[in-house]
Amino acid sequence: MVELPGLKKEEIDVSLHGDVLTISGERKAEEKKGEQDFRTKRFYGSFQRMVTLPAAVDAKQVKASSRTAS
C-alpha cells in the first residue's frame, strides 16, 4: 500500500521489471491566486520508489488498484 495524497491514478506509473516494483510520478505545485503559503508539508516534483520483491513474481498476475481516502 502506498499513500499518494493529491495525485490522481492517471498521474502514477506502476511497473515491474524482474523482481523490482517501481512506483513513480510527479506532484505539481498548486497555484493559489492571491494567497501565500508560508509553510507547506507537501513536497512537489518527481518521485520514484523502487522495491525489490522477496520472491519471483509472474508479471501476468500483477494487479494494481486505487482508492480514495474516506
C-alpha atoms as a PDB file:
ATOM      1  CA  MET A   1       0.000   0.000   0.000  1.00  0.00           C
ATOM      2  CA  VAL A   2       1.273   3.438  -0.954  1.00  0.00           C
ATOM      3  CA  GLU A   3      -0.289   6.723   0.109  1.00  0.00           C
ATOM      4  CA  LEU A   4      -0.026   9.447  -2.522  1.00  0.00           C
ATOM      5  CA  PRO A   5      -2.265  12.334  -1.432  1.00  0.00           C
ATOM      6  CA  GLY A   6      -3.145  14.875  -4.077  1.00  0.00           C
ATOM      7  CA  LEU A   7      -2.408  12.588  -7.034  1.00  0.00           C
ATOM      8  CA  LYS A   8      -4.885  11.075  -9.459  1.00  0.00           C
ATOM      9  CA  LYS A   9      -4.364   7.469 -10.540  1.00  0.00           C
ATOM     10  CA  GLU A  10      -3.592   8.727 -14.071  1.00  0.00           C
ATOM     11  CA  GLU A  11      -0.579  10.588 -12.652  1.00  0.00           C
ATOM     12  CA  ILE A  12       1.021   7.467 -11.161  1.00  0.00           C
ATOM     13  CA  ASP A  13       3.102   4.884 -13.038  1.00  0.00           C
ATOM     14  CA  VAL A  14       3.498   1.371 -11.635  1.00  0.00           C
ATOM     15  CA  SER A  15       5.866  -1.042 -13.381  1.00  0.00           C
ATOM     16  CA  LEU A  16       7.519  -4.382 -12.721  1.00  0.00           C
ATOM     17  CA  HIS A  17      10.909  -5.343 -14.155  1.00  0.00           C
ATOM     18  CA  GLY A  18      12.142  -8.711 -12.938  1.00  0.00           C
ATOM     19  CA  ASP A  19      11.696  -8.644  -9.177  1.00  0.00           C
ATOM     20  CA  VAL A  20      11.724  -4.829  -8.860  1.00  0.00           C
ATOM     21  CA  LEU A  21       8.431  -2.965  -8.467  1.00  0.00           C
ATOM     22  CA  THR A  22       8.679   0.734  -9.356  1.00  0.00           C
ATOM     23  CA  ILE A  23       6.154   3.437  -8.470  1.00  0.00           C
ATOM     24  CA  SER A  24       6.768   6.871  -9.963  1.00  0.00           C
ATOM     25  CA  GLY A  25       5.019  10.112 -10.808  1.00  0.00           C
ATOM     26  CA  GLU A  26       5.133  13.845 -10.366  1.00  0.00           C
ATOM     27  CA  ARG A  27       3.271  16.046  -7.925  1.00  0.00           C
ATOM     28  CA  LYS A  28       2.788  19.528  -9.333  1.00  0.00           C
ATOM     29  CA  ALA A  29       2.526  22.596  -7.124  1.00  0.00           C
ATOM     30  CA  GLU A  30      -0.953  24.063  -6.887  1.00  0.00           C
ATOM     31  CA  GLU A  31      -1.254  27.685  -7.897  1.00  0.00           C
ATOM     32  CA  LYS A  32      -3.254  29.780  -5.465  1.00  0.00           C
ATOM     33  CA  LYS A  33      -4.014  33.264  -6.751  1.00  0.00           C
ATOM     34  CA  GLY A  34      -3.889  35.950  -4.117  1.00  0.00           C
ATOM     35  CA  GLU A  35      -2.769  33.584  -1.361  1.00  0.00           C
ATOM     36  CA  GLN A  36       0.679  32.921   0.055  1.00  0.00           C
ATOM     37  CA  ASP A  37       1.780  29.841   1.890  1.00  0.00           C
ATOM     38  CA  PHE A  38       4.466  30.407   4.483  1.00  0.00           C
ATOM     39  CA  ARG A  39       4.813  26.741   5.303  1.00  0.00           C
ATOM     40  CA  THR A  40       3.839  23.588   3.459  1.00  0.00           C
ATOM     41  CA  LYS A  41       4.092  19.955   4.454  1.00  0.00           C
ATOM     42  CA  ARG A  42       3.554  18.536   0.985  1.00  0.00           C
ATOM     43  CA  PHE A  43       6.509  18.095  -1.337  1.00  0.00           C
ATOM     44  CA  TYR A  44       6.321  18.733  -5.071  1.00  0.00           C
ATOM     45  CA  GLY A  45       8.241  17.372  -8.031  1.00  0.00           C
ATOM     46  CA  SER A  46       9.076  13.985  -9.476  1.00  0.00           C
ATOM     47  CA  PHE A  47       9.355  10.907  -7.304  1.00  0.00           C
ATOM     48  CA  GLN A  48      10.293   7.263  -7.772  1.00  0.00           C
ATOM     49  CA  ARG A  49      10.267   4.388  -5.303  1.00  0.00           C
ATOM     50  CA  MET A  50      11.730   1.005  -6.125  1.00  0.00           C
ATOM     51  CA  VAL A  51      11.006  -2.112  -4.070  1.00  0.00           C
ATOM     52  CA  THR A  52      12.718  -5.451  -4.571  1.00  0.00           C
ATOM     53  CA  LEU A  53      10.119  -8.165  -4.151  1.00  0.00           C
ATOM     54  CA  PRO A  54      11.059 -11.120  -1.939  1.00  0.00           C
ATOM     55  CA  ALA A  55      10.149 -13.848  -4.454  1.00  0.00           C
ATOM     56  CA  ALA A  56       9.842 -14.334  -8.189  1.00  0.00           C
ATOM     57  CA  VAL A  57       6.643 -12.709  -9.447  1.00  0.00           C
ATOM     58  CA  ASP A  58       4.640 -13.638 -12.534  1.00  0.00           C
ATOM     59  CA  ALA A  59       4.189 -10.262 -14.260  1.00  0.00           C
ATOM     60  CA  LYS A  60       0.972 -11.510 -15.894  1.00  0.00           C
ATOM     61  CA  GLN A  61      -0.581 -11.907 -12.438  1.00  0.00           C
ATOM     62  CA  VAL A  62       0.327  -8.436 -11.106  1.00  0.00           C
ATOM     63  CA  LYS A  63      -2.608  -6.102 -10.438  1.00  0.00           C
ATOM     64  CA  ALA A  64      -2.792  -2.526  -9.184  1.00  0.00           C
ATOM     65  CA  SER A  65      -5.790  -0.719  -7.727  1.00  0.00           C
ATOM     66  CA  SER A  66      -6.527   2.663  -6.235  1.00  0.00           C
ATOM     67  CA  ARG A  67      -8.989   4.052  -3.760  1.00  0.00           C
ATOM     68  CA  THR A  68      -9.691   7.430  -2.269  1.00  0.00           C
ATOM     69  CA  ALA A  69      -9.445   8.193   1.414  1.00  0.00           C
ATOM     70  CA  SER A  70     -12.709   8.118   3.275  1.00  0.00           C
END
